[in-house]
Each structure stands twice: as C-alpha cells, then as structure tokens.
C-alpha atoms as a PDB file:
ATOM      1  CA  MET A   1     132.730 101.373 158.437  1.00  0.00           C
ATOM      2  CA  TRP A   2     132.560 100.221 154.857  1.00  0.00           C
ATOM      3  CA  LYS A   3     132.560  96.487 154.198  1.00  0.00           C
ATOM      4  CA  LYS A   4     134.976  95.389 151.495  1.00  0.00           C
ATOM      5  CA  ARG A   5     133.195  93.651 148.615  1.00  0.00           C
ATOM      6  CA  ASN A   6     134.356  90.476 146.959  1.00  0.00           C
ATOM      7  CA  TYR A   7     133.996  90.722 143.241  1.00  0.00           C
ATOM      8  CA  GLN A   8     135.614  87.364 142.470  1.00  0.00           C
ATOM      9  CA  LEU A   9     133.404  84.867 140.664  1.00  0.00           C
ATOM     10  CA  ALA A  10     133.320  81.068 140.797  1.00  0.00           C
ATOM     11  CA  ASP A  11     134.175  79.237 137.604  1.00  0.00           C
ATOM     12  CA  GLU A  12     130.530  78.478 136.830  1.00  0.00           C
ATOM     13  CA  GLU A  13     129.607  82.104 137.397  1.00  0.00           C
ATOM     14  CA  VAL A  14     132.337  83.164 134.969  1.00  0.00           C
ATOM     15  CA  GLU A  15     130.857  80.848 132.348  1.00  0.00           C
ATOM     16  CA  ILE A  16     127.417  82.318 132.863  1.00  0.00           C
ATOM     17  CA  ILE A  17     128.778  85.906 132.505  1.00  0.00           C
ATOM     18  CA  GLU A  18     130.831  85.010 129.379  1.00  0.00           C
ATOM     19  CA  ARG A  19     127.798  83.275 127.792  1.00  0.00           C
ATOM     20  CA  ALA A  20     125.691  86.366 128.538  1.00  0.00           C
ATOM     21  CA  LEU A  21     128.345  88.635 126.962  1.00  0.00           C
ATOM     22  CA  LEU A  22     128.528  86.576 123.813  1.00  0.00           C
ATOM     23  CA  HIS A  23     124.987  85.316 123.261  1.00  0.00           C
ATOM     24  CA  ASP A  24     122.359  87.272 125.219  1.00  0.00           C
ATOM     25  CA  LYS A  25     120.174  89.425 122.931  1.00  0.00           C
ATOM     26  CA  ARG A  26     119.218  91.926 125.625  1.00  0.00           C
ATOM     27  CA  PRO A  27     121.724  94.811 125.466  1.00  0.00           C
ATOM     28  CA  GLU A  28     121.136  95.795 129.157  1.00  0.00           C
ATOM     29  CA  VAL A  29     122.136  92.308 130.233  1.00  0.00           C
ATOM     30  CA  ARG A  30     125.286  92.347 128.103  1.00  0.00           C
ATOM     31  CA  GLN A  31     126.267  95.769 129.488  1.00  0.00           C
ATOM     32  CA  LYS A  32     125.804  94.753 133.050  1.00  0.00           C
ATOM     33  CA  ALA A  33     127.532  91.361 132.514  1.00  0.00           C
ATOM     34  CA  GLN A  34     130.472  93.326 131.107  1.00  0.00           C
ATOM     35  CA  ALA A  35     130.648  95.411 134.307  1.00  0.00           C
ATOM     36  CA  ILE A  36     130.494  92.294 136.524  1.00  0.00           C
ATOM     37  CA  HIS A  37     133.217  90.663 134.447  1.00  0.00           C
ATOM     38  CA  LEU A  38     135.511  93.746 134.675  1.00  0.00           C
ATOM     39  CA  LEU A  39     135.078  93.781 138.460  1.00  0.00           C
ATOM     40  CA  HIS A  40     135.940  90.059 138.505  1.00  0.00           C
ATOM     41  CA  LEU A  41     139.138  90.844 136.544  1.00  0.00           C
ATOM     42  CA  GLY A  42     140.248  93.279 139.266  1.00  0.00           C
ATOM     43  CA  GLN A  43     139.166  96.637 137.763  1.00  0.00           C
ATOM     44  CA  LYS A  44     138.239  99.334 140.307  1.00  0.00           C
ATOM     45  CA  VAL A  45     134.590 100.353 140.610  1.00  0.00           C
ATOM     46  CA  THR A  46     135.418 103.914 139.652  1.00  0.00           C
ATOM     47  CA  HIS A  47     137.250 102.794 136.503  1.00  0.00           C
ATOM     48  CA  VAL A  48     134.372 100.445 135.471  1.00  0.00           C
ATOM     49  CA  ALA A  49     131.833 103.193 136.096  1.00  0.00           C
ATOM     50  CA  GLU A  50     133.862 105.531 133.786  1.00  0.00           C
ATOM     51  CA  MET A  51     134.156 102.920 131.064  1.00  0.00           C
ATOM     52  CA  MET A  52     130.394 102.125 131.199  1.00  0.00           C
ATOM     53  CA  ALA A  53     129.374 105.826 131.457  1.00  0.00           C
ATOM     54  CA  VAL A  54     127.402 105.328 134.568  1.00  0.00           C
ATOM     55  CA  THR A  55     127.870 106.280 138.289  1.00  0.00           C
ATOM     56  CA  ARG A  56     129.650 104.211 140.899  1.00  0.00           C
ATOM     57  CA  THR A  57     126.377 103.730 142.696  1.00  0.00           C
ATOM     58  CA  THR A  58     124.914 102.153 139.537  1.00  0.00           C
ATOM     59  CA  ILE A  59     127.830  99.674 139.407  1.00  0.00           C
ATOM     60  CA  TYR A  60     127.258  98.758 143.048  1.00  0.00           C
ATOM     61  CA  GLU A  61     123.499  98.226 142.249  1.00  0.00           C
ATOM     62  CA  TRP A  62     124.301  96.028 139.289  1.00  0.00           C
ATOM     63  CA  HIS A  63     126.628  93.855 141.427  1.00  0.00           C
ATOM     64  CA  ASP A  64     124.064  93.590 144.213  1.00  0.00           C
ATOM     65  CA  ALA A  65     121.424  92.578 141.681  1.00  0.00           C
ATOM     66  CA  TRP A  66     123.828  89.944 140.272  1.00  0.00           C
ATOM     67  CA  LEU A  67     124.360  88.488 143.738  1.00  0.00           C
ATOM     68  CA  ALA A  68     120.656  88.463 144.570  1.00  0.00           C
ATOM     69  CA  LYS A  69     119.072  87.373 141.316  1.00  0.00           C
ATOM     70  CA  GLY A  70     121.767  86.242 138.903  1.00  0.00           C
ATOM     71  CA  ILE A  71     121.997  87.160 135.264  1.00  0.00           C
ATOM     72  CA  ASP A  72     118.225  87.416 134.712  1.00  0.00           C
ATOM     73  CA  GLY A  73     117.949  89.899 137.474  1.00  0.00           C
ATOM     74  CA  ARG A  74     119.678  92.408 135.243  1.00  0.00           C
ATOM     75  CA  ALA A  75     116.987  92.236 132.482  1.00  0.00           C
ATOM     76  CA  ARG A  76     114.460  95.013 132.167  1.00  0.00           C
ATOM     77  CA  LYS A  77     111.053  94.057 133.232  1.00  0.00           C
ATOM     78  CA  LYS A  78     108.255  94.286 130.731  1.00  0.00           C
ATOM     79  CA  GLY A  79     106.394  97.563 131.129  1.00  0.00           C
ATOM     80  CA  SER A  80     109.203  99.226 133.043  1.00  0.00           C
ATOM     81  CA  GLY A  81     110.043 102.782 132.199  1.00  0.00           C
ATOM     82  CA  ARG A  82     108.247 106.028 132.292  1.00  0.00           C
ATOM     83  CA  ARG A  83     104.533 105.950 131.702  1.00  0.00           C
ATOM     84  CA  PHE A  84     103.199 107.839 128.731  1.00  0.00           C
ATOM     85  CA  LYS A  85     101.281 110.909 129.709  1.00  0.00           C
ATOM     86  CA  ALA A  86      98.883 111.032 126.713  1.00  0.00           C
ATOM     87  CA  SER A  87      95.837 108.885 127.261  1.00  0.00           C
ATOM     88  CA  PRO A  88      93.620 107.651 124.459  1.00  0.00           C
ATOM     89  CA  ALA A  89      91.238 110.519 125.208  1.00  0.00           C
ATOM     90  CA  TYR A  90      94.187 112.956 124.903  1.00  0.00           C
ATOM     91  CA  GLU A  91      95.109 111.460 121.514  1.00  0.00           C
ATOM     92  CA  GLN A  92      91.530 111.723 120.324  1.00  0.00           C
ATOM     93  CA  LEU A  93      91.311 115.357 121.328  1.00  0.00           C
ATOM     94  CA  LEU A  94      94.682 115.983 119.692  1.00  0.00           C
ATOM     95  CA  GLU A  95      93.486 114.502 116.404  1.00  0.00           C
ATOM     96  CA  GLU A  96      90.343 116.590 116.492  1.00  0.00           C
ATOM     97  CA  THR A  97      92.404 119.688 117.239  1.00  0.00           C
ATOM     98  CA  VAL A  98      94.904 119.129 114.470  1.00  0.00           C
ATOM     99  CA  ASP A  99      92.050 118.606 111.983  1.00  0.00           C
ATOM    100  CA  THR A 100      90.420 121.883 113.109  1.00  0.00           C
ATOM    101  CA  ASP A 101      91.395 125.260 111.719  1.00  0.00           C
ATOM    102  CA  PRO A 102      92.906 127.293 114.590  1.00  0.00           C
ATOM    103  CA  THR A 103      90.800 130.326 113.644  1.00  0.00           C
ATOM    104  CA  GLU A 104      87.654 128.311 114.415  1.00  0.00           C
ATOM    105  CA  LEU A 105      88.953 127.995 117.973  1.00  0.00           C
ATOM    106  CA  GLY A 106      89.410 131.717 118.313  1.00  0.00           C
ATOM    107  CA  TYR A 107      93.088 132.002 117.410  1.00  0.00           C
ATOM    108  CA  GLU A 108      94.474 134.644 115.103  1.00  0.00           C
ATOM    109  CA  PHE A 109      96.930 132.272 113.420  1.00  0.00           C
ATOM    110  CA  THR A 110      95.973 129.789 110.680  1.00  0.00           C
ATOM    111  CA  VAL A 111      98.645 127.089 111.045  1.00  0.00           C
ATOM    112  CA  TRP A 112      99.363 124.774 114.010  1.00  0.00           C
ATOM    113  CA  THR A 113     102.953 124.726 115.059  1.00  0.00           C
ATOM    114  CA  VAL A 114     104.243 122.233 117.613  1.00  0.00           C
ATOM    115  CA  ASP A 115     104.564 124.978 120.258  1.00  0.00           C
ATOM    116  CA  ARG A 116     101.056 126.343 119.624  1.00  0.00           C
ATOM    117  CA  LEU A 117      99.652 122.834 119.721  1.00  0.00           C
ATOM    118  CA  CYS A 118     101.436 121.988 122.966  1.00  0.00           C
ATOM    119  CA  GLN A 119     100.110 125.145 124.593  1.00  0.00           C
ATOM    120  CA  HIS A 120      96.534 124.618 123.327  1.00  0.00           C
ATOM    121  CA  MET A 121      96.467 121.001 124.462  1.00  0.00           C
ATOM    122  CA  PHE A 122      97.840 122.050 127.909  1.00  0.00           C
ATOM    123  CA  GLU A 123      95.065 124.592 128.277  1.00  0.00           C
ATOM    124  CA  GLU A 124      92.457 121.953 127.244  1.00  0.00           C
ATOM    125  CA  THR A 125      93.724 118.973 129.209  1.00  0.00           C
ATOM    126  CA  GLY A 126      96.183 120.180 131.803  1.00  0.00           C
ATOM    127  CA  ILE A 127      98.806 117.779 130.362  1.00  0.00           C
ATOM    128  CA  LEU A 128     102.006 119.480 129.176  1.00  0.00           C
ATOM    129  CA  LEU A 129     103.939 117.384 126.692  1.00  0.00           C
ATOM    130  CA  SER A 130     107.293 118.389 125.282  1.00  0.00           C
ATOM    131  CA  GLY A 131     107.487 119.301 121.573  1.00  0.00           C
ATOM    132  CA  ARG A 132     109.308 116.085 120.778  1.00  0.00           C
ATOM    133  CA  THR A 133     106.816 113.910 122.665  1.00  0.00           C
ATOM    134  CA  LEU A 134     103.884 115.645 120.932  1.00  0.00           C
ATOM    135  CA  THR A 135     105.612 115.189 117.586  1.00  0.00           C
ATOM    136  CA  ASN A 136     106.174 111.496 118.302  1.00  0.00           C
ATOM    137  CA  THR A 137     102.523 111.171 119.354  1.00  0.00           C
ATOM    138  CA  LEU A 138     101.407 112.704 116.058  1.00  0.00           C
ATOM    139  CA  ARG A 139     103.672 110.320 114.113  1.00  0.00           C
ATOM    140  CA  ARG A 140     102.241 107.397 115.949  1.00  0.00           C
ATOM    141  CA  LEU A 141      98.795 108.659 114.922  1.00  0.00           C
ATOM    142  CA  ASP A 142     100.026 108.674 111.239  1.00  0.00           C
ATOM    143  CA  TYR A 143     100.400 112.454 110.945  1.00  0.00           C
ATOM    144  CA  VAL A 144     103.299 113.941 109.026  1.00  0.00           C
ATOM    145  CA  TYR A 145     104.667 117.415 109.185  1.00  0.00           C
ATOM    146  CA  ARG A 146     104.681 119.369 105.998  1.00  0.00           C
ATOM    147  CA  ARG A 147     105.830 122.911 105.537  1.00  0.00           C
ATOM    148  CA  PRO A 148     102.918 125.305 104.706  1.00  0.00           C
ATOM    149  CA  LYS A 149     102.976 126.546 101.151  1.00  0.00           C
ATOM    150  CA  ARG A 150     103.234 130.231 100.520  1.00  0.00           C
ATOM    151  CA  ASP A 151     100.266 131.247  98.419  1.00  0.00           C
ATOM    152  CA  LEU A 152     100.169 134.844  97.228  1.00  0.00           C
ATOM    153  CA  GLY A 153      97.291 134.248  94.830  1.00  0.00           C
ATOM    154  CA  TYR A 154      94.901 136.464  96.789  1.00  0.00           C
ATOM    155  CA  LEU A 155      97.149 139.444  95.938  1.00  0.00           C
ATOM    156  CA  HIS A 156      96.843 139.066  92.179  1.00  0.00           C
ATOM    157  CA  ASP A 157      94.566 141.206  90.140  1.00  0.00           C
ATOM    158  CA  PRO A 158      92.115 138.894  88.236  1.00  0.00           C
ATOM    159  CA  GLU A 159      92.028 141.068  85.069  1.00  0.00           C
ATOM    160  CA  VAL A 160      95.843 141.149  84.818  1.00  0.00           C
ATOM    161  CA  MET A 161      96.050 137.390  85.404  1.00  0.00           C
ATOM    162  CA  ALA A 162      93.500 136.770  82.646  1.00  0.00           C
ATOM    163  CA  ARG A 163      95.459 138.955  80.142  1.00  0.00           C
ATOM    164  CA  ALA A 164      98.706 137.225  81.132  1.00  0.00           C
ATOM    165  CA  GLU A 165      97.246 133.788  80.518  1.00  0.00           C
ATOM    166  CA  GLU A 166      95.916 134.837  77.095  1.00  0.00           C
ATOM    167  CA  HIS A 167      99.370 136.136  76.237  1.00  0.00           C
ATOM    168  CA  LEU A 168     100.988 132.893  77.413  1.00  0.00           C
ATOM    169  CA  ASP A 169      98.557 130.860  75.188  1.00  0.00           C
ATOM    170  CA  LYS A 170      99.569 132.930  72.177  1.00  0.00           C
ATOM    171  CA  LEU A 171     103.189 132.343  72.869  1.00  0.00           C
ATOM    172  CA  LYS A 172     102.701 128.633  73.173  1.00  0.00           C
ATOM    173  CA  LYS A 173     101.048 128.405  69.728  1.00  0.00           C
ATOM    174  CA  ARG A 174     103.271 127.337  66.792  1.00  0.00           C
ATOM    175  CA  PRO A 175     103.779 129.653  63.876  1.00  0.00           C
ATOM    176  CA  GLU A 176     101.509 128.990  60.844  1.00  0.00           C
ATOM    177  CA  SER A 177     104.348 129.272  58.301  1.00  0.00           C
ATOM    178  CA  LYS A 178     106.001 126.184  56.886  1.00  0.00           C
ATOM    179  CA  PRO A 179     109.489 125.248  58.042  1.00  0.00           C
ATOM    180  CA  LEU A 180     112.421 125.963  55.732  1.00  0.00           C
ATOM    181  CA  SER A 181     113.226 123.175  53.367  1.00  0.00           C
ATOM    182  CA  SER A 182     116.845 123.934  52.924  1.00  0.00           C
ATOM    183  CA  SER A 183     119.528 122.495  55.200  1.00  0.00           C
ATOM    184  CA  LEU A 184     121.855 124.487  57.308  1.00  0.00           C
ATOM    185  CA  TRP A 185     124.631 122.173  56.163  1.00  0.00           C
ATOM    186  CA  THR A 186     126.466 123.051  53.011  1.00  0.00           C
ATOM    187  CA  LYS A 187     129.274 121.345  51.238  1.00  0.00           C
ATOM    188  CA  GLN A 188     132.670 122.996  51.478  1.00  0.00           C
ATOM    189  CA  ARG A 189     134.249 123.755  47.960  1.00  0.00           C
END
C-alpha cells in the first residue's frame, strides 16, 4: 500500500526554498525549488509535473532528494551528463580526414558532406556520431562550413575566352575624341 507523503515544509525550510528561488544562479536548483514550493502550497504531484514539463516520477525524485540532501542535493554534479564519444585521437583523425581530398581516399566525390564524413569516420573508427555532433565537433576544432563554389571554368574554350577578354579591354578604353564644349542647357527665349 502506498504511503502518503507529507509535502509541508517548516518555516526555515520555506525560507531556504524562497531564497533559492530568488537568488540561486543554478537554473536546475531554481526549477526544483519551484516544484518543492508548489507541493508545499498544496498542488498535486500530477499538476506540478505538468507545469514543470516532467514526469510525476521526476517530481517524486526531486522531493526525495530534497529530504535527503537539502537544496544543494538538487544541483548538478560537475562532470555529470553524457560522455563525449569522440576522443582526442578521433578528433585528430577527423582533422586529417577533412584536410584530405576524398578522391585521395578512393571516393568518387570531391567534397565532404556531413553524412559522408560521418560514414567515413564510422568505417575508420567504429564510432558513429550524429551529423549535429560531428558538426559541433568540427566547430570546436575551428572549422566552418562553407558552400562549395560552382566553377565551370573547365568548360570554357581558351581561344574564345582570350578573344572575349580582348573585346572587353577595347570596350573599357575611352574614346580618343575630345568631349563637346557646348552645354546641354540653353536659355529659354
């Protein structure tokens, strides 16, 4: 059978919660203090969970942590969170790969896209990163994405290009005649 929880706080606990709500710089502490405060004010766990956009189980966990560790028990621990998959060796190989023309590695394409780079790095290292994570890794390594330029110069006939440039040079030259000395303005009679 479920045990009924007591969400009522003592006066000093209410002060601690209100101080955290107003002054704590850690957003996760303020969020969880808000939930504890709402429970103290008589809100139902389901309603608090909806307002905070979390599950009821999360609200119960936040309350249990408050009871066990107080306000600082709600702070994130340094180094918590998901570990990054790309090691320094992965990043070094990624830099070498980006700086290498794909045709030198046996590919038929000449430009690295994020998807192609993800697939190549997976084949080389066995580590599959999402496109966003790979992009963020490249940004952290000071790479920026730029759209490839369309160059059709190899399709141009060199003789025709030379004649066109000569013609353009002639058009750019000024006429050798002197400018007119008369004005376009005339006096009305």
